[in-house]
Amino acid sequence: MRKTVVVVEGPDGSGKTTLARALVEVGFEYGHRGPPEKPALDFYLDELEAHEHDAVIDRLHVGSYVYGKAFRGIDDLTDFE
C-alpha cells in the first residue's frame, strides 16, 4: 500500500499548522518535530518510515536554516542540524 507523506515547511505564521490540521481532518496522521538530532537526510528518511498511513509532518525545521535569521534575528540551527 502506497502512503503519502506531506511535509509542511515555512516561516512562523505562514499557516503550516492550519494546513496540517486540515489534512488530519481528512485522515492523515499528524507529526511535529523539533530540530533534527542527526544529519537532515537521515532524519527525513526515518520520519518517512515512522508513519504507517498517510501523514502530515508539521515542520522539519530545515527551512529555519534559511529563514530563521530573517524572522528571529538569530540562527536557530547549526550547520550540522
C-alpha atoms as a PDB file:
ATOM      1  CA  MET A   1       0.000   0.000   0.000  1.00  0.00           C
ATOM      2  CA  ARG A   2       1.383   3.359  -1.004  1.00  0.00           C
ATOM      3  CA  LYS A   3       1.372   6.114   1.607  1.00  0.00           C
ATOM      4  CA  THR A   4       1.545   9.851   1.180  1.00  0.00           C
ATOM      5  CA  VAL A   5       3.704  11.953   3.473  1.00  0.00           C
ATOM      6  CA  VAL A   6       3.279  15.719   3.283  1.00  0.00           C
ATOM      7  CA  VAL A   7       5.931  17.931   4.884  1.00  0.00           C
ATOM      8  CA  VAL A   8       4.704  21.445   5.648  1.00  0.00           C
ATOM      9  CA  GLU A   9       7.614  23.852   5.982  1.00  0.00           C
ATOM     10  CA  GLY A  10       7.813  27.622   6.122  1.00  0.00           C
ATOM     11  CA  PRO A  11       8.305  30.618   8.378  1.00  0.00           C
ATOM     12  CA  ASP A  12       6.363  31.198  11.580  1.00  0.00           C
ATOM     13  CA  GLY A  13       2.820  32.377  10.959  1.00  0.00           C
ATOM     14  CA  SER A  14       2.626  31.120   7.377  1.00  0.00           C
ATOM     15  CA  GLY A  15      -0.203  28.633   8.050  1.00  0.00           C
ATOM     16  CA  LYS A  16       1.722  25.368   8.446  1.00  0.00           C
ATOM     17  CA  THR A  17      -0.289  24.128  11.404  1.00  0.00           C
ATOM     18  CA  THR A  18      -3.589  25.264   9.888  1.00  0.00           C
ATOM     19  CA  LEU A  19      -2.851  23.228   6.765  1.00  0.00           C
ATOM     20  CA  ALA A  20      -1.692  20.244   8.814  1.00  0.00           C
ATOM     21  CA  ARG A  21      -4.897  20.295  10.879  1.00  0.00           C
ATOM     22  CA  ALA A  22      -6.992  20.333   7.695  1.00  0.00           C
ATOM     23  CA  LEU A  23      -5.141  17.238   6.458  1.00  0.00           C
ATOM     24  CA  VAL A  24      -5.662  15.482   9.801  1.00  0.00           C
ATOM     25  CA  GLU A  25      -9.402  16.091   9.414  1.00  0.00           C
ATOM     26  CA  VAL A  26      -9.360  14.045   6.200  1.00  0.00           C
ATOM     27  CA  GLY A  27      -7.416  11.142   7.719  1.00  0.00           C
ATOM     28  CA  PHE A  28      -3.722  11.991   7.791  1.00  0.00           C
ATOM     29  CA  GLU A  29      -1.588  11.111  10.834  1.00  0.00           C
ATOM     30  CA  TYR A  30      -0.017  14.157  12.470  1.00  0.00           C
ATOM     31  CA  GLY A  31       3.630  14.668  13.292  1.00  0.00           C
ATOM     32  CA  HIS A  32       5.535  17.679  14.618  1.00  0.00           C
ATOM     33  CA  ARG A  33       9.237  17.501  15.178  1.00  0.00           C
ATOM     34  CA  GLY A  34      11.846  19.672  16.782  1.00  0.00           C
ATOM     35  CA  PRO A  35      15.207  20.332  15.169  1.00  0.00           C
ATOM     36  CA  PRO A  36      16.905  17.150  13.925  1.00  0.00           C
ATOM     37  CA  GLU A  37      19.446  15.401  16.124  1.00  0.00           C
ATOM     38  CA  LYS A  38      21.210  13.801  13.155  1.00  0.00           C
ATOM     39  CA  PRO A  39      22.022  14.716   9.560  1.00  0.00           C
ATOM     40  CA  ALA A  40      18.909  16.012   7.772  1.00  0.00           C
ATOM     41  CA  LEU A  41      18.735  13.251   5.142  1.00  0.00           C
ATOM     42  CA  ASP A  42      18.771  10.507   7.799  1.00  0.00           C
ATOM     43  CA  PHE A  43      16.202  12.443   9.803  1.00  0.00           C
ATOM     44  CA  TYR A  44      13.886  12.773   6.794  1.00  0.00           C
ATOM     45  CA  LEU A  45      14.159   9.100   5.852  1.00  0.00           C
ATOM     46  CA  ASP A  46      13.456   7.960   9.405  1.00  0.00           C
ATOM     47  CA  GLU A  47      10.494  10.311   9.605  1.00  0.00           C
ATOM     48  CA  LEU A  48       9.042   8.982   6.363  1.00  0.00           C
ATOM     49  CA  GLU A  49       9.324   5.395   7.617  1.00  0.00           C
ATOM     50  CA  ALA A  50       7.795   6.230  11.022  1.00  0.00           C
ATOM     51  CA  HIS A  51       4.251   6.520   9.712  1.00  0.00           C
ATOM     52  CA  GLU A  52       2.153   3.565   8.612  1.00  0.00           C
ATOM     53  CA  HIS A  53      -0.536   5.661   6.913  1.00  0.00           C
ATOM     54  CA  ASP A  54      -0.794   8.953   5.080  1.00  0.00           C
ATOM     55  CA  ALA A  55       0.882  11.553   7.274  1.00  0.00           C
ATOM     56  CA  VAL A  56       1.449  15.259   7.510  1.00  0.00           C
ATOM     57  CA  ILE A  57       4.630  16.473   9.189  1.00  0.00           C
ATOM     58  CA  ASP A  58       4.196  19.973  10.568  1.00  0.00           C
ATOM     59  CA  ARG A  59       7.689  21.341  10.185  1.00  0.00           C
ATOM     60  CA  LEU A  60      11.025  19.582   9.962  1.00  0.00           C
ATOM     61  CA  HIS A  61      12.973  22.750  10.740  1.00  0.00           C
ATOM     62  CA  VAL A  62      15.262  22.661   7.723  1.00  0.00           C
ATOM     63  CA  GLY A  63      13.618  25.855   6.496  1.00  0.00           C
ATOM     64  CA  SER A  64      14.714  27.544   9.736  1.00  0.00           C
ATOM     65  CA  TYR A  65      18.238  27.407   8.368  1.00  0.00           C
ATOM     66  CA  VAL A  66      17.040  29.651   5.554  1.00  0.00           C
ATOM     67  CA  TYR A  67      14.542  31.970   7.258  1.00  0.00           C
ATOM     68  CA  GLY A  68      15.431  31.793  10.974  1.00  0.00           C
ATOM     69  CA  LYS A  69      17.712  34.792  10.954  1.00  0.00           C
ATOM     70  CA  ALA A  70      15.320  36.845   8.839  1.00  0.00           C
ATOM     71  CA  PHE A  71      12.337  36.181  11.123  1.00  0.00           C
ATOM     72  CA  ARG A  72      14.002  35.817  14.519  1.00  0.00           C
ATOM     73  CA  GLY A  73      17.277  37.688  14.176  1.00  0.00           C
ATOM     74  CA  ILE A  74      19.254  34.583  15.164  1.00  0.00           C
ATOM     75  CA  ASP A  75      20.425  31.396  13.500  1.00  0.00           C
ATOM     76  CA  ASP A  76      18.358  28.668  15.151  1.00  0.00           C
ATOM     77  CA  LEU A  77      20.152  25.734  13.571  1.00  0.00           C
ATOM     78  CA  THR A  78      23.783  24.767  13.369  1.00  0.00           C
ATOM     79  CA  ASP A  79      25.346  23.614  10.111  1.00  0.00           C
ATOM     80  CA  PHE A  80      25.018  20.011  11.364  1.00  0.00           C
ATOM     81  CA  GLU A  81      21.291  20.381  12.004  1.00  0.00           C
END
